[in-house]
Amino acid sequence: MIDRELVHKVALLARLELTPEEEAQFTTQLGSILDYIEQLNELDVSDVLPTARAIDVSNVTREDELHPYPDREAILKGAPEQEGEFFKVPKILNAE
């Protein structure tokens, strides 16, 4: 099981400065957590499918619908630079 020496060692590895009172507190808390995990390990979960969530979650989204902006020129006029009917942006790949 977990003892105070092990808590001290883990704290050193994690670069945590624990007071003796905190070491004692964490020894008790971590011991309780490990005891609970042992209880969970005794359960038969062979018929339980692996899952990421306890309940089924589905994302509610709408279908994408194309709606062209009616005033294309207004958008292009707001761009710092344009080339014909397109935005002109600085080259970022292989900019040699």
PDB file of N, CA and C in Angstrom:
ATOM      1  N   MET A   1       0.847  -1.185   0.000  1.00  0.00           N
ATOM      2  CA  MET A   1       0.000   0.000   0.000  1.00  0.00           C
ATOM      3  C   MET A   1       0.888   1.243   0.000  1.00  0.00           C
ATOM      4  N   ILE A   2       0.297   2.368   0.138  1.00  0.00           N
ATOM      5  CA  ILE A   2       1.040   3.631   0.073  1.00  0.00           C
ATOM      6  C   ILE A   2       1.402   4.092   1.479  1.00  0.00           C
ATOM      7  N   ASP A   3       2.644   4.531   1.620  1.00  0.00           N
ATOM      8  CA  ASP A   3       3.066   5.044   2.913  1.00  0.00           C
ATOM      9  C   ASP A   3       3.642   6.452   2.726  1.00  0.00           C
ATOM     10  N   ARG A   4       3.990   7.057   3.825  1.00  0.00           N
ATOM     11  CA  ARG A   4       4.458   8.443   3.806  1.00  0.00           C
ATOM     12  C   ARG A   4       5.750   8.599   3.005  1.00  0.00           C
ATOM     13  N   GLU A   5       6.587   7.599   3.053  1.00  0.00           N
ATOM     14  CA  GLU A   5       7.851   7.639   2.309  1.00  0.00           C
ATOM     15  C   GLU A   5       7.588   7.678   0.798  1.00  0.00           C
ATOM     16  N   LEU A   6       6.610   6.891   0.345  1.00  0.00           N
ATOM     17  CA  LEU A   6       6.258   6.882  -1.074  1.00  0.00           C
ATOM     18  C   LEU A   6       5.664   8.221  -1.498  1.00  0.00           C
ATOM     19  N   VAL A   7       4.828   8.820  -0.655  1.00  0.00           N
ATOM     20  CA  VAL A   7       4.268  10.142  -0.952  1.00  0.00           C
ATOM     21  C   VAL A   7       5.393  11.164  -1.041  1.00  0.00           C
ATOM     22  N   HIS A   8       6.353  11.078  -0.153  1.00  0.00           N
ATOM     23  CA  HIS A   8       7.496  11.998  -0.177  1.00  0.00           C
ATOM     24  C   HIS A   8       8.290  11.830  -1.473  1.00  0.00           C
ATOM     25  N   LYS A   9       8.514  10.582  -1.895  1.00  0.00           N
ATOM     26  CA  LYS A   9       9.264  10.310  -3.119  1.00  0.00           C
ATOM     27  C   LYS A   9       8.528  10.860  -4.345  1.00  0.00           C
ATOM     28  N   VAL A  10       7.229  10.632  -4.419  1.00  0.00           N
ATOM     29  CA  VAL A  10       6.442  11.135  -5.547  1.00  0.00           C
ATOM     30  C   VAL A  10       6.440  12.660  -5.556  1.00  0.00           C
ATOM     31  N   ALA A  11       6.350  13.266  -4.393  1.00  0.00           N
ATOM     32  CA  ALA A  11       6.387  14.727  -4.308  1.00  0.00           C
ATOM     33  C   ALA A  11       7.716  15.263  -4.822  1.00  0.00           C
ATOM     34  N   LEU A  12       8.818  14.588  -4.486  1.00  0.00           N
ATOM     35  CA  LEU A  12      10.128  15.013  -4.991  1.00  0.00           C
ATOM     36  C   LEU A  12      10.202  14.886  -6.501  1.00  0.00           C
ATOM     37  N   LEU A  13       9.697  13.780  -7.041  1.00  0.00           N
ATOM     38  CA  LEU A  13       9.710  13.579  -8.489  1.00  0.00           C
ATOM     39  C   LEU A  13       8.857  14.618  -9.211  1.00  0.00           C
ATOM     40  N   ALA A  14       7.775  15.043  -8.566  1.00  0.00           N
ATOM     41  CA  ALA A  14       6.885  16.043  -9.153  1.00  0.00           C
ATOM     42  C   ALA A  14       7.316  17.463  -8.829  1.00  0.00           C
ATOM     43  N   ARG A  15       8.435  17.576  -8.131  1.00  0.00           N
ATOM     44  CA  ARG A  15       8.974  18.894  -7.733  1.00  0.00           C
ATOM     45  C   ARG A  15       7.976  19.667  -6.874  1.00  0.00           C
ATOM     46  N   LEU A  16       7.346  18.949  -5.943  1.00  0.00           N
ATOM     47  CA  LEU A  16       6.409  19.568  -5.011  1.00  0.00           C
ATOM     48  C   LEU A  16       7.056  19.652  -3.637  1.00  0.00           C
ATOM     49  N   GLU A  17       6.879  20.771  -2.992  1.00  0.00           N
ATOM     50  CA  GLU A  17       7.360  20.916  -1.621  1.00  0.00           C
ATOM     51  C   GLU A  17       6.166  20.730  -0.682  1.00  0.00           C
ATOM     52  N   LEU A  18       6.138  19.595   0.003  1.00  0.00           N
ATOM     53  CA  LEU A  18       5.042  19.299   0.914  1.00  0.00           C
ATOM     54  C   LEU A  18       5.523  19.415   2.351  1.00  0.00           C
ATOM     55  N   THR A  19       4.655  19.963   3.172  1.00  0.00           N
ATOM     56  CA  THR A  19       4.945  20.001   4.606  1.00  0.00           C
ATOM     57  C   THR A  19       4.689  18.599   5.172  1.00  0.00           C
ATOM     58  N   PRO A  20       5.209  18.291   6.334  1.00  0.00           N
ATOM     59  CA  PRO A  20       4.929  16.983   6.939  1.00  0.00           C
ATOM     60  C   PRO A  20       3.423  16.736   7.124  1.00  0.00           C
ATOM     61  N   GLU A  21       2.672  17.795   7.424  1.00  0.00           N
ATOM     62  CA  GLU A  21       1.220  17.644   7.580  1.00  0.00           C
ATOM     63  C   GLU A  21       0.572  17.281   6.246  1.00  0.00           C
ATOM     64  N   GLU A  22       1.034  17.914   5.146  1.00  0.00           N
ATOM     65  CA  GLU A  22       0.484  17.605   3.826  1.00  0.00           C
ATOM     66  C   GLU A  22       0.849  16.187   3.413  1.00  0.00           C
ATOM     67  N   GLU A  23       2.068  15.745   3.728  1.00  0.00           N
ATOM     68  CA  GLU A  23       2.457  14.373   3.422  1.00  0.00           C
ATOM     69  C   GLU A  23       1.537  13.382   4.129  1.00  0.00           C
ATOM     70  N   ALA A  24       1.242  13.651   5.391  1.00  0.00           N
ATOM     71  CA  ALA A  24       0.341  12.763   6.137  1.00  0.00           C
ATOM     72  C   ALA A  24      -1.058  12.782   5.536  1.00  0.00           C
ATOM     73  N   GLN A  25      -1.527  13.969   5.171  1.00  0.00           N
ATOM     74  CA  GLN A  25      -2.865  14.108   4.584  1.00  0.00           C
ATOM     75  C   GLN A  25      -2.944  13.367   3.248  1.00  0.00           C
ATOM     76  N   PHE A  26      -1.935  13.555   2.385  1.00  0.00           N
ATOM     77  CA  PHE A  26      -1.947  12.900   1.089  1.00  0.00           C
ATOM     78  C   PHE A  26      -1.776  11.396   1.206  1.00  0.00           C
ATOM     79  N   THR A  27      -1.037  10.940   2.202  1.00  0.00           N
ATOM     80  CA  THR A  27      -0.898   9.505   2.417  1.00  0.00           C
ATOM     81  C   THR A  27      -2.265   8.883   2.680  1.00  0.00           C
ATOM     82  N   THR A  28      -3.045   9.524   3.533  1.00  0.00           N
ATOM     83  CA  THR A  28      -4.393   9.032   3.842  1.00  0.00           C
ATOM     84  C   THR A  28      -5.297   9.104   2.612  1.00  0.00           C
ATOM     85  N   GLN A  29      -5.276  10.248   1.924  1.00  0.00           N
ATOM     86  CA  GLN A  29      -6.154  10.433   0.768  1.00  0.00           C
ATOM     87  C   GLN A  29      -5.809   9.472  -0.368  1.00  0.00           C
ATOM     88  N   LEU A  30      -4.519   9.361  -0.684  1.00  0.00           N
ATOM     89  CA  LEU A  30      -4.127   8.461  -1.766  1.00  0.00           C
ATOM     90  C   LEU A  30      -4.392   7.006  -1.405  1.00  0.00           C
ATOM     91  N   GLY A  31      -4.222   6.663  -0.140  1.00  0.00           N
ATOM     92  CA  GLY A  31      -4.560   5.312   0.308  1.00  0.00           C
ATOM     93  C   GLY A  31      -6.034   5.011   0.105  1.00  0.00           C
ATOM     94  N   SER A  32      -6.887   5.973   0.416  1.00  0.00           N
ATOM     95  CA  SER A  32      -8.331   5.795   0.225  1.00  0.00           C
ATOM     96  C   SER A  32      -8.677   5.643  -1.256  1.00  0.00           C
ATOM     97  N   ILE A  33      -8.017   6.441  -2.098  1.00  0.00           N
ATOM     98  CA  ILE A  33      -8.269   6.352  -3.544  1.00  0.00           C
ATOM     99  C   ILE A  33      -7.860   4.975  -4.065  1.00  0.00           C
ATOM    100  N   LEU A  34      -6.693   4.504  -3.657  1.00  0.00           N
ATOM    101  CA  LEU A  34      -6.233   3.191  -4.115  1.00  0.00           C
ATOM    102  C   LEU A  34      -7.119   2.059  -3.592  1.00  0.00           C
ATOM    103  N   ASP A  35      -7.619   2.193  -2.364  1.00  0.00           N
ATOM    104  CA  ASP A  35      -8.563   1.196  -1.830  1.00  0.00           C
ATOM    105  C   ASP A  35      -9.837   1.161  -2.669  1.00  0.00           C
ATOM    106  N   TYR A  36     -10.316   2.322  -3.073  1.00  0.00           N
ATOM    107  CA  TYR A  36     -11.541   2.391  -3.891  1.00  0.00           C
ATOM    108  C   TYR A  36     -11.296   1.769  -5.268  1.00  0.00           C
ATOM    109  N   ILE A  37     -10.124   2.006  -5.836  1.00  0.00           N
ATOM    110  CA  ILE A  37      -9.797   1.414  -7.135  1.00  0.00           C
ATOM    111  C   ILE A  37      -9.757  -0.104  -7.021  1.00  0.00           C
ATOM    112  N   GLU A  38      -9.237  -0.600  -5.914  1.00  0.00           N
ATOM    113  CA  GLU A  38      -9.230  -2.047  -5.699  1.00  0.00           C
ATOM    114  C   GLU A  38     -10.659  -2.594  -5.647  1.00  0.00           C
ATOM    115  N   GLN A  39     -11.575  -1.855  -5.017  1.00  0.00           N
ATOM    116  CA  GLN A  39     -12.979  -2.273  -4.987  1.00  0.00           C
ATOM    117  C   GLN A  39     -13.549  -2.315  -6.402  1.00  0.00           C
ATOM    118  N   LEU A  40     -13.214  -1.311  -7.203  1.00  0.00           N
ATOM    119  CA  LEU A  40     -13.711  -1.278  -8.582  1.00  0.00           C
ATOM    120  C   LEU A  40     -13.143  -2.425  -9.405  1.00  0.00           C
ATOM    121  N   ASN A  41     -11.901  -2.806  -9.140  1.00  0.00           N
ATOM    122  CA  ASN A  41     -11.280  -3.910  -9.871  1.00  0.00           C
ATOM    123  C   ASN A  41     -11.956  -5.244  -9.593  1.00  0.00           C
ATOM    124  N   GLU A  42     -12.686  -5.357  -8.499  1.00  0.00           N
ATOM    125  CA  GLU A  42     -13.378  -6.601  -8.160  1.00  0.00           C
ATOM    126  C   GLU A  42     -14.677  -6.779  -8.934  1.00  0.00           C
ATOM    127  N   LEU A  43     -15.157  -5.716  -9.582  1.00  0.00           N
ATOM    128  CA  LEU A  43     -16.416  -5.799 -10.323  1.00  0.00           C
ATOM    129  C   LEU A  43     -16.243  -6.575 -11.619  1.00  0.00           C
ATOM    130  N   ASP A  44     -17.289  -7.311 -11.993  1.00  0.00           N
ATOM    131  CA  ASP A  44     -17.292  -8.025 -13.266  1.00  0.00           C
ATOM    132  C   ASP A  44     -17.846  -7.095 -14.342  1.00  0.00           C
ATOM    133  N   VAL A  45     -16.970  -6.637 -15.209  1.00  0.00           N
ATOM    134  CA  VAL A  45     -17.385  -5.717 -16.272  1.00  0.00           C
ATOM    135  C   VAL A  45     -17.193  -6.344 -17.647  1.00  0.00           C
ATOM    136  N   SER A  46     -17.179  -7.670 -17.692  1.00  0.00           N
ATOM    137  CA  SER A  46     -16.935  -8.359 -18.956  1.00  0.00           C
ATOM    138  C   SER A  46     -18.043  -8.098 -19.978  1.00  0.00           C
ATOM    139  N   ASP A  47     -19.263  -7.807 -19.524  1.00  0.00           N
ATOM    140  CA  ASP A  47     -20.367  -7.541 -20.449  1.00  0.00           C
ATOM    141  C   ASP A  47     -20.585  -6.057 -20.709  1.00  0.00           C
ATOM    142  N   VAL A  48     -19.723  -5.214 -20.179  1.00  0.00           N
ATOM    143  CA  VAL A  48     -19.873  -3.769 -20.348  1.00  0.00           C
ATOM    144  C   VAL A  48     -18.965  -3.312 -21.481  1.00  0.00           C
ATOM    145  N   LEU A  49     -19.567  -2.646 -22.454  1.00  0.00           N
ATOM    146  CA  LEU A  49     -18.790  -2.159 -23.590  1.00  0.00           C
ATOM    147  C   LEU A  49     -17.955  -0.945 -23.186  1.00  0.00           C
ATOM    148  N   PRO A  50     -16.747  -0.847 -23.699  1.00  0.00           N
ATOM    149  CA  PRO A  50     -15.928   0.337 -23.408  1.00  0.00           C
ATOM    150  C   PRO A  50     -16.602   1.591 -23.969  1.00  0.00           C
ATOM    151  N   THR A  51     -16.516   2.659 -23.231  1.00  0.00           N
ATOM    152  CA  THR A  51     -17.135   3.905 -23.666  1.00  0.00           C
ATOM    153  C   THR A  51     -16.345   5.086 -23.126  1.00  0.00           C
ATOM    154  N   ALA A  52     -16.508   6.209 -23.767  1.00  0.00           N
ATOM    155  CA  ALA A  52     -15.833   7.423 -23.305  1.00  0.00           C
ATOM    156  C   ALA A  52     -16.733   8.221 -22.370  1.00  0.00           C
ATOM    157  N   ARG A  53     -18.034   7.953 -22.424  1.00  0.00           N
ATOM    158  CA  ARG A  53     -18.984   8.694 -21.599  1.00  0.00           C
ATOM    159  C   ARG A  53     -19.999   7.729 -20.980  1.00  0.00           C
ATOM    160  N   ALA A  54     -20.562   8.138 -19.875  1.00  0.00           N
ATOM    161  CA  ALA A  54     -21.566   7.307 -19.220  1.00  0.00           C
ATOM    162  C   ALA A  54     -22.917   7.382 -19.923  1.00  0.00           C
ATOM    163  N   ILE A  55     -23.171   8.510 -20.601  1.00  0.00           N
ATOM    164  CA  ILE A  55     -24.419   8.663 -21.331  1.00  0.00           C
ATOM    165  C   ILE A  55     -24.104   8.964 -22.787  1.00  0.00           C
ATOM    166  N   ASP A  56     -25.031   8.641 -23.672  1.00  0.00           N
ATOM    167  CA  ASP A  56     -24.841   8.891 -25.093  1.00  0.00           C
ATOM    168  C   ASP A  56     -25.003  10.377 -25.366  1.00  0.00           C
ATOM    169  N   VAL A  57     -24.032  10.952 -26.047  1.00  0.00           N
ATOM    170  CA  VAL A  57     -24.067  12.373 -26.369  1.00  0.00           C
ATOM    171  C   VAL A  57     -23.999  12.513 -27.874  1.00  0.00           C
ATOM    172  N   SER A  58     -24.889  13.306 -28.418  1.00  0.00           N
ATOM    173  CA  SER A  58     -24.828  13.565 -29.851  1.00  0.00           C
ATOM    174  C   SER A  58     -24.761  15.065 -30.067  1.00  0.00           C
ATOM    175  N   ASN A  59     -24.009  15.446 -31.063  1.00  0.00           N
ATOM    176  CA  ASN A  59     -23.821  16.849 -31.367  1.00  0.00           C
ATOM    177  C   ASN A  59     -24.978  17.326 -32.235  1.00  0.00           C
ATOM    178  N   VAL A  60     -25.638  18.371 -31.812  1.00  0.00           N
ATOM    179  CA  VAL A  60     -26.759  18.910 -32.569  1.00  0.00           C
ATOM    180  C   VAL A  60     -26.222  19.994 -33.487  1.00  0.00           C
ATOM    181  N   THR A  61     -26.194  19.683 -34.748  1.00  0.00           N
ATOM    182  CA  THR A  61     -25.703  20.651 -35.726  1.00  0.00           C
ATOM    183  C   THR A  61     -26.706  20.777 -36.854  1.00  0.00           C
ATOM    184  N   ARG A  62     -26.566  21.824 -37.563  1.00  0.00           N
ATOM    185  CA  ARG A  62     -27.440  22.019 -38.721  1.00  0.00           C
ATOM    186  C   ARG A  62     -26.651  21.719 -39.979  1.00  0.00           C
ATOM    187  N   GLU A  63     -27.338  21.474 -41.054  1.00  0.00           N
ATOM    188  CA  GLU A  63     -26.688  21.273 -42.333  1.00  0.00           C
ATOM    189  C   GLU A  63     -26.110  22.594 -42.814  1.00  0.00           C
ATOM    190  N   ASP A  64     -24.941  22.539 -43.419  1.00  0.00           N
ATOM    191  CA  ASP A  64     -24.365  23.738 -44.015  1.00  0.00           C
ATOM    192  C   ASP A  64     -25.149  24.103 -45.262  1.00  0.00           C
ATOM    193  N   GLU A  65     -25.523  25.345 -45.345  1.00  0.00           N
ATOM    194  CA  GLU A  65     -26.248  25.824 -46.517  1.00  0.00           C
ATOM    195  C   GLU A  65     -25.475  26.984 -47.115  1.00  0.00           C
ATOM    196  N   LEU A  66     -25.267  26.931 -48.414  1.00  0.00           N
ATOM    197  CA  LEU A  66     -24.532  27.963 -49.105  1.00  0.00           C
ATOM    198  C   LEU A  66     -25.417  29.182 -49.311  1.00  0.00           C
ATOM    199  N   HIS A  67     -24.979  30.316 -48.788  1.00  0.00           N
ATOM    200  CA  HIS A  67     -25.674  31.586 -48.973  1.00  0.00           C
ATOM    201  C   HIS A  67     -24.655  32.612 -49.438  1.00  0.00           C
ATOM    202  N   PRO A  68     -24.503  32.785 -50.740  1.00  0.00           N
ATOM    203  CA  PRO A  68     -23.525  33.769 -51.218  1.00  0.00           C
ATOM    204  C   PRO A  68     -23.857  35.169 -50.706  1.00  0.00           C
ATOM    205  N   TYR A  69     -22.794  35.911 -50.334  1.00  0.00           N
ATOM    206  CA  TYR A  69     -22.990  37.276 -49.860  1.00  0.00           C
ATOM    207  C   TYR A  69     -23.369  38.141 -51.052  1.00  0.00           C
ATOM    208  N   PRO A  70     -24.424  38.926 -50.948  1.00  0.00           N
ATOM    209  CA  PRO A  70     -24.906  39.662 -52.120  1.00  0.00           C
ATOM    210  C   PRO A  70     -23.968  40.779 -52.587  1.00  0.00           C
ATOM    211  N   ASP A  71     -23.176  41.359 -51.696  1.00  0.00           N
ATOM    212  CA  ASP A  71     -22.335  42.489 -52.088  1.00  0.00           C
ATOM    213  C   ASP A  71     -20.864  42.100 -52.011  1.00  0.00           C
ATOM    214  N   ARG A  72     -20.432  41.313 -52.985  1.00  0.00           N
ATOM    215  CA  ARG A  72     -19.058  40.812 -53.029  1.00  0.00           C
ATOM    216  C   ARG A  72     -18.043  41.949 -53.099  1.00  0.00           C
ATOM    217  N   GLU A  73     -18.362  42.991 -53.816  1.00  0.00           N
ATOM    218  CA  GLU A  73     -17.447  44.126 -53.960  1.00  0.00           C
ATOM    219  C   GLU A  73     -17.181  44.799 -52.618  1.00  0.00           C
ATOM    220  N   ALA A  74     -18.164  44.870 -51.747  1.00  0.00           N
ATOM    221  CA  ALA A  74     -17.982  45.484 -50.431  1.00  0.00           C
ATOM    222  C   ALA A  74     -16.963  44.693 -49.612  1.00  0.00           C
ATOM    223  N   ILE A  75     -17.003  43.378 -49.722  1.00  0.00           N
ATOM    224  CA  ILE A  75     -16.048  42.552 -49.004  1.00  0.00           C
ATOM    225  C   ILE A  75     -14.646  42.776 -49.555  1.00  0.00           C
ATOM    226  N   LEU A  76     -14.497  42.780 -50.877  1.00  0.00           N
ATOM    227  CA  LEU A  76     -13.189  42.974 -51.498  1.00  0.00           C
ATOM    228  C   LEU A  76     -12.625  44.353 -51.206  1.00  0.00           C
ATOM    229  N   LYS A  77     -13.475  45.357 -51.111  1.00  0.00           N
ATOM    230  CA  LYS A  77     -12.995  46.709 -50.811  1.00  0.00           C
ATOM    231  C   LYS A  77     -12.444  46.794 -49.389  1.00  0.00           C
ATOM    232  N   GLY A  78     -12.902  45.934 -48.494  1.00  0.00           N
ATOM    233  CA  GLY A  78     -12.426  45.938 -47.112  1.00  0.00           C
ATOM    234  C   GLY A  78     -11.102  45.221 -46.931  1.00  0.00           C
ATOM    235  N   ALA A  79     -10.637  44.520 -47.972  1.00  0.00           N
ATOM    236  CA  ALA A  79      -9.384  43.782 -47.879  1.00  0.00           C
ATOM    237  C   ALA A  79      -8.200  44.729 -48.043  1.00  0.00           C
ATOM    238  N   PRO A  80      -7.090  44.476 -47.336  1.00  0.00           N
ATOM    239  CA  PRO A  80      -5.912  45.330 -47.498  1.00  0.00           C
ATOM    240  C   PRO A  80      -5.383  45.303 -48.930  1.00  0.00           C
ATOM    241  N   GLU A  81      -5.396  44.118 -49.561  1.00  0.00           N
ATOM    242  CA  GLU A  81      -4.963  43.995 -50.953  1.00  0.00           C
ATOM    243  C   GLU A  81      -5.892  43.019 -51.665  1.00  0.00           C
ATOM    244  N   GLN A  82      -6.077  43.234 -52.949  1.00  0.00           N
ATOM    245  CA  GLN A  82      -6.861  42.296 -53.735  1.00  0.00           C
ATOM    246  C   GLN A  82      -6.217  42.139 -55.096  1.00  0.00           C
ATOM    247  N   GLU A  83      -6.493  40.999 -55.691  1.00  0.00           N
ATOM    248  CA  GLU A  83      -5.989  40.718 -57.027  1.00  0.00           C
ATOM    249  C   GLU A  83      -7.153  40.182 -57.833  1.00  0.00           C
ATOM    250  N   GLY A  84      -7.701  41.010 -58.665  1.00  0.00           N
ATOM    251  CA  GLY A  84      -8.896  40.630 -59.420  1.00  0.00           C
ATOM    252  C   GLY A  84     -10.065  40.472 -58.473  1.00  0.00           C
ATOM    253  N   GLU A  85     -10.656  39.295 -58.490  1.00  0.00           N
ATOM    254  CA  GLU A  85     -11.817  39.025 -57.634  1.00  0.00           C
ATOM    255  C   GLU A  85     -11.434  38.282 -56.355  1.00  0.00           C
ATOM    256  N   PHE A  86     -10.148  38.303 -56.011  1.00  0.00           N
ATOM    257  CA  PHE A  86      -9.678  37.522 -54.869  1.00  0.00           C
ATOM    258  C   PHE A  86      -8.925  38.386 -53.860  1.00  0.00           C
ATOM    259  N   PHE A  87      -8.883  37.920 -52.612  1.00  0.00           N
ATOM    260  CA  PHE A  87      -8.040  38.549 -51.599  1.00  0.00           C
ATOM    261  C   PHE A  87      -6.594  38.219 -51.919  1.00  0.00           C
ATOM    262  N   LYS A  88      -5.698  39.159 -51.733  1.00  0.00           N
ATOM    263  CA  LYS A  88      -4.273  38.898 -51.896  1.00  0.00           C
ATOM    264  C   LYS A  88      -3.661  38.855 -50.499  1.00  0.00           C
ATOM    265  N   VAL A  89      -3.023  37.730 -50.187  1.00  0.00           N
ATOM    266  CA  VAL A  89      -2.421  37.543 -48.868  1.00  0.00           C
ATOM    267  C   VAL A  89      -0.949  37.220 -49.044  1.00  0.00           C
ATOM    268  N   PRO A  90      -0.138  37.495 -48.015  1.00  0.00           N
ATOM    269  CA  PRO A  90       1.289  37.190 -48.140  1.00  0.00           C
ATOM    270  C   PRO A  90       1.527  35.677 -48.196  1.00  0.00           C
ATOM    271  N   LYS A  91       2.528  35.294 -48.945  1.00  0.00           N
ATOM    272  CA  LYS A  91       2.907  33.887 -49.051  1.00  0.00           C
ATOM    273  C   LYS A  91       3.553  33.470 -47.733  1.00  0.00           C
ATOM    274  N   ILE A  92       3.117  32.341 -47.192  1.00  0.00           N
ATOM    275  CA  ILE A  92       3.669  31.908 -45.896  1.00  0.00           C
ATOM    276  C   ILE A  92       4.462  30.620 -45.998  1.00  0.00           C
ATOM    277  N   LEU A  93       4.292  29.872 -47.074  1.00  0.00           N
ATOM    278  CA  LEU A  93       5.037  28.629 -47.258  1.00  0.00           C
ATOM    279  C   LEU A  93       6.135  28.873 -48.289  1.00  0.00           C
ATOM    280  N   ASN A  94       7.335  28.413 -47.980  1.00  0.00           N
ATOM    281  CA  ASN A  94       8.474  28.595 -48.885  1.00  0.00           C
ATOM    282  C   ASN A  94       8.618  30.043 -49.315  1.00  0.00           C
ATOM    283  N   ALA A  95       8.654  30.918 -48.345  1.00  0.00           N
ATOM    284  CA  ALA A  95       8.677  32.360 -48.617  1.00  0.00           C
ATOM    285  C   ALA A  95      10.088  32.848 -48.952  1.00  0.00           C
ATOM    286  N   GLU A  96      10.939  32.003 -49.496  1.00  0.00           N
ATOM    287  CA  GLU A  96      12.320  32.398 -49.825  1.00  0.00           C
ATOM    288  C   GLU A  96      12.373  33.310 -51.013  1.00  0.00           C
TER     289      GLU A  96
END
